[in-house]
Amino acid sequence: MQMTEPQIWALIGALLAFALGSLTVLARQNDRMIASLRTEMSYRFEGMEAKLDARFETLESKVDMRLDSIDRRLEELDKEVANLATRFWGSR
């Protein structure tokens, strides 16, 4: 089967149009998939951020309670040392 030159150019144009159309469809699908993944990752990071914030707040409150306890003990110890110093050196 012999093809004429216009038929060959028409076939080349049709194949080129098909190739460009396929590339366009693939590019749009990739864009949609990437946008979907970005959204999903964003939600996951927000969820992890909320969990980490809650854990850090809990940890901070525990550390604050322990530091307050240490401060109270040090204040009591300071008072006891001051009372002992007053008794020992103040009695002379």
C-alpha atoms as a PDB file:
ATOM      1  CA  MET A   1       0.000   0.000   0.000  1.00  0.00           C
ATOM      2  CA  GLN A   2       1.527   3.195  -1.195  1.00  0.00           C
ATOM      3  CA  MET A   3       0.868   6.427   0.704  1.00  0.00           C
ATOM      4  CA  THR A   4       1.074   9.832  -0.862  1.00  0.00           C
ATOM      5  CA  GLU A   5       3.029  12.667   0.681  1.00  0.00           C
ATOM      6  CA  PRO A   6      -0.092  14.466   2.046  1.00  0.00           C
ATOM      7  CA  GLN A   7      -1.238  11.202   3.640  1.00  0.00           C
ATOM      8  CA  ILE A   8       2.142  10.778   5.336  1.00  0.00           C
ATOM      9  CA  TRP A   9       2.023  14.352   6.668  1.00  0.00           C
ATOM     10  CA  ALA A  10      -1.534  13.793   7.904  1.00  0.00           C
ATOM     11  CA  LEU A  11      -0.426  10.586   9.655  1.00  0.00           C
ATOM     12  CA  ILE A  12       2.548  12.394  11.221  1.00  0.00           C
ATOM     13  CA  GLY A  13       0.231  15.197  12.390  1.00  0.00           C
ATOM     14  CA  ALA A  14      -2.258  12.718  13.861  1.00  0.00           C
ATOM     15  CA  LEU A  15       0.483  10.838  15.724  1.00  0.00           C
ATOM     16  CA  LEU A  16       1.966  14.112  16.965  1.00  0.00           C
ATOM     17  CA  ALA A  17      -1.462  15.288  18.167  1.00  0.00           C
ATOM     18  CA  PHE A  18      -1.990  11.953  19.933  1.00  0.00           C
ATOM     19  CA  ALA A  19       1.447  12.162  21.588  1.00  0.00           C
ATOM     20  CA  LEU A  20       0.922  15.754  22.754  1.00  0.00           C
ATOM     21  CA  GLY A  21      -2.558  14.909  24.029  1.00  0.00           C
ATOM     22  CA  SER A  22      -1.197  11.937  25.944  1.00  0.00           C
ATOM     23  CA  LEU A  23       1.549  14.054  27.485  1.00  0.00           C
ATOM     24  CA  THR A  24      -0.987  16.683  28.494  1.00  0.00           C
ATOM     25  CA  VAL A  25      -3.218  14.095  30.177  1.00  0.00           C
ATOM     26  CA  LEU A  26      -0.248  12.553  31.995  1.00  0.00           C
ATOM     27  CA  ALA A  27       0.997  15.953  33.151  1.00  0.00           C
ATOM     28  CA  ARG A  28      -2.427  16.869  34.550  1.00  0.00           C
ATOM     29  CA  GLN A  29      -2.728  13.533  36.327  1.00  0.00           C
ATOM     30  CA  ASN A  30       0.705  14.017  37.858  1.00  0.00           C
ATOM     31  CA  ASP A  31      -0.224  17.532  38.992  1.00  0.00           C
ATOM     32  CA  ARG A  32      -3.402  16.235  40.629  1.00  0.00           C
ATOM     33  CA  MET A  33      -1.536  13.384  42.301  1.00  0.00           C
ATOM     34  CA  ILE A  34       1.166  15.713  43.619  1.00  0.00           C
ATOM     35  CA  ALA A  35      -1.427  18.185  44.901  1.00  0.00           C
ATOM     36  CA  SER A  36      -3.260  15.335  46.630  1.00  0.00           C
ATOM     37  CA  LEU A  37      -0.036  14.087  48.229  1.00  0.00           C
ATOM     38  CA  ARG A  38       0.844  17.600  49.389  1.00  0.00           C
ATOM     39  CA  THR A  39      -2.561  17.968  51.012  1.00  0.00           C
ATOM     40  CA  GLU A  40      -2.304  14.574  52.693  1.00  0.00           C
ATOM     41  CA  MET A  41       1.208  15.266  53.965  1.00  0.00           C
ATOM     42  CA  SER A  42       0.110  18.664  55.223  1.00  0.00           C
ATOM     43  CA  TYR A  43      -2.723  17.076  57.237  1.00  0.00           C
ATOM     44  CA  ARG A  44      -0.394  14.431  58.607  1.00  0.00           C
ATOM     45  CA  PHE A  45       2.197  17.016  59.659  1.00  0.00           C
ATOM     46  CA  GLU A  46      -0.519  19.085  61.338  1.00  0.00           C
ATOM     47  CA  GLY A  47      -1.658  15.987  63.213  1.00  0.00           C
ATOM     48  CA  MET A  48       1.875  15.169  64.299  1.00  0.00           C
ATOM     49  CA  GLU A  49       2.430  18.781  65.329  1.00  0.00           C
ATOM     50  CA  ALA A  50      -0.678  18.670  67.517  1.00  0.00           C
ATOM     51  CA  LYS A  51       0.458  15.401  69.126  1.00  0.00           C
ATOM     52  CA  LEU A  52       3.959  16.745  69.746  1.00  0.00           C
ATOM     53  CA  ASP A  53       2.598  19.993  71.186  1.00  0.00           C
ATOM     54  CA  ALA A  54       0.412  18.023  73.598  1.00  0.00           C
ATOM     55  CA  ARG A  55       3.350  15.844  74.661  1.00  0.00           C
ATOM     56  CA  PHE A  56       5.629  18.839  75.154  1.00  0.00           C
ATOM     57  CA  GLU A  57       2.988  20.617  77.219  1.00  0.00           C
ATOM     58  CA  THR A  58       2.644  17.535  79.414  1.00  0.00           C
ATOM     59  CA  LEU A  59       6.411  17.285  79.742  1.00  0.00           C
ATOM     60  CA  GLU A  60       6.704  20.993  80.561  1.00  0.00           C
ATOM     61  CA  SER A  61       4.066  20.734  83.271  1.00  0.00           C
ATOM     62  CA  LYS A  62       5.854  17.735  84.834  1.00  0.00           C
ATOM     63  CA  VAL A  63       9.195  19.516  84.717  1.00  0.00           C
ATOM     64  CA  ASP A  64       7.635  22.670  86.196  1.00  0.00           C
ATOM     65  CA  MET A  65       6.089  20.638  89.041  1.00  0.00           C
ATOM     66  CA  ARG A  66       9.420  18.982  89.806  1.00  0.00           C
ATOM     67  CA  LEU A  67      11.284  22.290  89.684  1.00  0.00           C
ATOM     68  CA  ASP A  68       8.696  23.853  91.996  1.00  0.00           C
ATOM     69  CA  SER A  69       9.178  20.933  94.384  1.00  0.00           C
ATOM     70  CA  ILE A  70      12.954  21.422  94.289  1.00  0.00           C
ATOM     71  CA  ASP A  71      12.525  25.172  94.878  1.00  0.00           C
ATOM     72  CA  ARG A  72      10.333  24.504  97.925  1.00  0.00           C
ATOM     73  CA  ARG A  73      12.837  22.014  99.318  1.00  0.00           C
ATOM     74  CA  LEU A  74      15.706  24.446  98.785  1.00  0.00           C
ATOM     75  CA  GLU A  75      13.767  27.225 100.508  1.00  0.00           C
ATOM     76  CA  GLU A  76      13.072  24.926 103.465  1.00  0.00           C
ATOM     77  CA  LEU A  77      16.713  23.883 103.567  1.00  0.00           C
ATOM     78  CA  ASP A  78      17.789  27.533 103.424  1.00  0.00           C
ATOM     79  CA  LYS A  79      15.515  28.336 106.375  1.00  0.00           C
ATOM     80  CA  GLU A  80      16.858  25.378 108.350  1.00  0.00           C
ATOM     81  CA  VAL A  81      20.472  26.374 107.641  1.00  0.00           C
ATOM     82  CA  ALA A  82      19.678  29.963 108.613  1.00  0.00           C
ATOM     83  CA  ASN A  83      18.062  28.742 111.881  1.00  0.00           C
ATOM     84  CA  LEU A  84      21.064  26.521 112.643  1.00  0.00           C
ATOM     85  CA  ALA A  85      23.481  29.369 111.911  1.00  0.00           C
ATOM     86  CA  THR A  86      21.487  31.694 114.146  1.00  0.00           C
ATOM     87  CA  ARG A  87      21.475  29.118 116.935  1.00  0.00           C
ATOM     88  CA  PHE A  88      25.131  28.266 116.599  1.00  0.00           C
ATOM     89  CA  TRP A  89      26.643  31.709 116.078  1.00  0.00           C
ATOM     90  CA  GLY A  90      23.853  33.852 117.456  1.00  0.00           C
ATOM     91  CA  SER A  91      23.947  32.243 120.913  1.00  0.00           C
ATOM     92  CA  ARG A  92      27.468  33.457 121.714  1.00  0.00           C
END
